[in-house]
Amino acid sequence: MLVWRGRFSGLTSPLSLGTFVKQVTTTISTRFRPHRIATQTLTTTRVVNSSHFDTLNSLQKQQISLYVDALLQWNQKMNLTAVTEVEEVMERHVYDSLAMIPPIQSSYIAHCDSLCNNISLVDVGSGPGLPGLILAIACPSWKITLMESMNKRCIFLEHAVSLTGLSNVQVVRGRAERAF
């Protein structure tokens, strides 16, 4: 149970999450009058068409293919992802993971005085290795740590790292809140 430990406009504490949400909803609806904001329709056409996948070399594409095959094969024995078709894995997992590379690079460049080589990333709650393994394949100079608390997923991650021949990935069994 989540408990609210503080004061919010005269609310008593502690409150259960459900009570807190009811109280906050009532308080907000009486104080604020929402204004309609103009929305834009988002499309993924630009993201898919400018996919980082096209910039990968043949070895990297082969590594991604090996990973996707292993993911779908192991997914039949254990629940790693709800996606069960190769095309869906590519679109919903691989392309989305690759789309993270330019923002990571831009952020790194904006906040550091060096190039984007030798970046170290931790994928907390890595699950089936997304986006960490895909980033490790696409950016071999980056050091990727995959942190996962469930042993069965760690076994899959170690298998996928071995299968793809990645030397820039470390699998860590554990919870992030205990690691630091």
Protein backbone atom coordinates (compact mmCIF):
# COMPACT_ATOMS: atom_id res chain seq x y z
CA MET A 1 0.00 0.00 0.00
CA LEU A 2 1.29 3.44 -0.87
CA VAL A 3 0.96 5.97 1.92
CA TRP A 4 1.00 9.74 1.64
CA ARG A 5 3.29 11.25 4.28
CA GLY A 6 2.78 14.96 4.17
CA ARG A 7 0.28 17.76 4.17
CA PHE A 8 -1.70 18.77 1.14
CA SER A 9 -4.24 21.57 1.54
CA GLY A 10 -5.54 20.48 4.89
CA LEU A 11 -5.63 16.75 4.13
CA THR A 12 -4.83 14.47 7.00
CA SER A 13 -2.02 11.97 6.75
CA PRO A 14 -1.38 9.09 6.30
CA LEU A 15 -3.78 8.35 3.45
CA SER A 16 -4.05 5.34 1.24
CA LEU A 17 -3.33 6.02 -2.41
CA GLY A 18 -7.00 5.62 -3.32
CA THR A 19 -8.14 8.11 -0.68
CA PHE A 20 -5.36 10.50 -1.65
CA VAL A 21 -6.35 10.40 -5.33
CA LYS A 22 -10.02 11.01 -4.46
CA GLN A 23 -9.10 13.94 -2.21
CA VAL A 24 -6.66 15.46 -4.69
CA THR A 25 -9.14 15.06 -7.57
CA THR A 26 -11.82 16.83 -5.55
CA THR A 27 -9.41 19.58 -4.48
CA ILE A 28 -8.04 20.12 -7.98
CA SER A 29 -11.43 20.14 -9.67
CA THR A 30 -12.68 22.87 -7.34
CA ARG A 31 -9.58 25.06 -7.65
CA PHE A 32 -8.53 24.77 -11.28
CA ARG A 33 -10.52 25.28 -14.42
CA PRO A 34 -8.88 23.33 -17.23
CA HIS A 35 -8.44 24.98 -20.60
CA ARG A 36 -8.55 23.02 -23.81
CA ILE A 37 -5.10 22.81 -25.33
CA ALA A 38 -4.69 22.44 -29.07
CA THR A 39 -3.27 19.01 -29.78
CA GLN A 40 -1.27 17.75 -32.71
CA THR A 41 -1.49 14.29 -34.19
CA LEU A 42 1.80 12.50 -33.85
CA THR A 43 3.03 10.10 -36.47
CA THR A 44 5.92 7.68 -36.35
CA THR A 45 6.54 7.79 -40.08
CA ARG A 46 9.44 10.21 -39.72
CA VAL A 47 11.02 8.13 -36.95
CA VAL A 48 10.77 4.84 -38.85
CA ASN A 49 11.92 6.34 -42.13
CA SER A 50 14.95 7.95 -40.51
CA SER A 51 15.69 4.85 -38.46
CA HIS A 52 19.16 4.39 -37.12
CA PHE A 53 18.81 0.78 -38.32
CA ASP A 54 19.84 1.78 -41.85
CA THR A 55 23.18 3.07 -40.55
CA LEU A 56 24.13 -0.26 -38.94
CA ASN A 57 26.73 -2.44 -40.60
CA SER A 58 26.05 -6.06 -41.60
CA LEU A 59 27.53 -7.51 -38.38
CA GLN A 60 25.29 -5.27 -36.24
CA LYS A 61 22.22 -6.23 -38.28
CA GLN A 62 23.14 -9.90 -37.87
CA GLN A 63 23.53 -9.41 -34.10
CA ILE A 64 20.08 -7.81 -33.92
CA SER A 65 18.63 -10.68 -35.94
CA LEU A 66 20.21 -13.21 -33.56
CA TYR A 67 18.85 -11.30 -30.56
CA VAL A 68 15.31 -11.08 -32.00
CA ASP A 69 15.31 -14.80 -32.83
CA ALA A 70 16.49 -15.68 -29.31
CA LEU A 71 13.94 -13.31 -27.76
CA LEU A 72 11.05 -14.91 -29.63
CA GLN A 73 12.31 -18.43 -28.96
CA TRP A 74 12.76 -17.86 -25.21
CA ASN A 75 9.50 -15.92 -25.07
CA GLN A 76 7.67 -19.19 -25.79
CA LYS A 77 9.02 -20.62 -22.50
CA MET A 78 8.90 -17.51 -20.31
CA ASN A 79 7.13 -14.18 -20.51
CA LEU A 80 9.74 -11.72 -21.79
CA THR A 81 7.52 -9.56 -24.02
CA ALA A 82 3.90 -9.44 -25.17
CA VAL A 83 5.09 -9.02 -28.76
CA THR A 84 5.32 -12.36 -30.58
CA GLU A 85 6.03 -11.54 -34.26
CA VAL A 86 9.38 -10.57 -35.79
CA GLU A 87 7.97 -7.49 -37.55
CA GLU A 88 6.39 -6.25 -34.31
CA VAL A 89 9.60 -6.82 -32.35
CA MET A 90 11.52 -4.84 -34.95
CA GLU A 91 9.04 -1.97 -34.99
CA ARG A 92 8.03 -1.78 -31.34
CA HIS A 93 11.33 -2.71 -29.69
CA VAL A 94 14.33 -2.45 -31.99
CA TYR A 95 13.43 0.73 -33.88
CA ASP A 96 12.22 2.40 -30.67
CA SER A 97 15.48 1.50 -28.93
CA LEU A 98 17.54 2.80 -31.83
CA ALA A 99 15.52 6.03 -31.85
CA MET A 100 16.98 6.78 -28.40
CA ILE A 101 20.53 7.10 -29.71
CA PRO A 102 20.37 10.67 -31.12
CA PRO A 103 18.79 12.17 -27.96
CA ILE A 104 21.33 10.38 -25.75
CA GLN A 105 24.17 11.67 -27.90
CA SER A 106 22.76 15.21 -27.96
CA SER A 107 22.27 15.25 -24.21
CA TYR A 108 25.77 13.89 -23.61
CA ILE A 109 27.36 16.45 -25.91
CA ALA A 110 25.35 19.29 -24.34
CA HIS A 111 26.43 18.36 -20.80
CA CYS A 112 29.97 17.03 -21.33
CA ASP A 113 33.05 18.42 -22.95
CA SER A 114 33.87 15.28 -24.88
CA LEU A 115 32.59 13.24 -27.78
CA CYS A 116 30.00 10.48 -27.47
CA ASN A 117 32.58 7.72 -27.27
CA ASN A 118 32.91 5.67 -24.11
CA ILE A 119 29.46 6.48 -22.72
CA SER A 120 28.47 4.25 -19.82
CA LEU A 121 24.76 3.50 -19.41
CA VAL A 122 22.76 1.43 -16.95
CA ASP A 123 19.51 -0.10 -18.15
CA VAL A 124 17.64 -0.52 -14.86
CA GLY A 125 14.93 -3.15 -14.95
CA SER A 126 16.23 -4.34 -18.27
CA GLY A 127 13.70 -7.14 -18.69
CA PRO A 128 14.51 -8.76 -22.03
CA GLY A 129 17.38 -6.32 -22.62
CA LEU A 130 15.50 -3.44 -24.13
CA PRO A 131 16.78 -0.91 -24.90
CA GLY A 132 20.19 -1.84 -23.44
CA LEU A 133 21.19 -4.71 -25.72
CA ILE A 134 20.11 -2.87 -28.86
CA LEU A 135 22.10 0.20 -27.78
CA ALA A 136 25.13 -2.01 -27.08
CA ILE A 137 24.90 -3.51 -30.57
CA ALA A 138 24.45 -0.17 -32.32
CA CYS A 139 27.11 1.66 -30.26
CA PRO A 140 29.93 -0.80 -29.52
CA SER A 141 32.08 1.88 -27.87
CA TRP A 142 29.42 2.41 -25.17
CA LYS A 143 29.57 0.36 -21.96
CA ILE A 144 26.12 -0.97 -21.09
CA THR A 145 25.10 -2.46 -17.76
CA LEU A 146 21.86 -4.43 -17.77
CA MET A 147 20.39 -4.48 -14.26
CA GLU A 148 17.58 -6.97 -13.68
CA SER A 149 16.23 -8.39 -10.43
CA MET A 150 14.66 -11.57 -11.82
CA ASN A 151 17.08 -14.47 -12.19
CA LYS A 152 15.29 -16.06 -15.18
CA ARG A 153 15.58 -12.81 -17.15
CA CYS A 154 19.25 -12.52 -16.22
CA ILE A 155 19.82 -16.01 -17.60
CA PHE A 156 18.21 -14.91 -20.87
CA LEU A 157 20.27 -11.70 -20.92
CA GLU A 158 23.51 -13.63 -20.39
CA HIS A 159 22.49 -16.01 -23.19
CA ALA A 160 21.71 -13.09 -25.54
CA VAL A 161 25.03 -11.36 -24.73
CA SER A 162 26.92 -14.58 -25.40
CA LEU A 163 24.96 -15.35 -28.57
CA THR A 164 25.56 -11.89 -30.06
CA GLY A 165 29.21 -11.79 -28.99
CA LEU A 166 28.92 -8.47 -27.18
CA SER A 167 31.92 -7.54 -25.05
CA ASN A 168 30.59 -4.13 -23.95
CA VAL A 169 27.70 -5.49 -21.84
CA GLN A 170 27.60 -6.52 -18.22
CA VAL A 171 24.56 -8.24 -16.68
CA VAL A 172 23.95 -7.44 -13.01
CA ARG A 173 21.45 -9.36 -10.90
CA GLY A 174 19.90 -7.06 -8.34
CA ARG A 175 17.65 -4.16 -7.57
CA ALA A 176 18.70 -0.57 -8.24
CA GLU A 177 17.63 0.67 -4.82
CA ARG A 178 20.06 -1.80 -3.19
CA ALA A 179 22.92 -1.14 -5.60
CA PHE A 180 23.59 2.45 -4.63
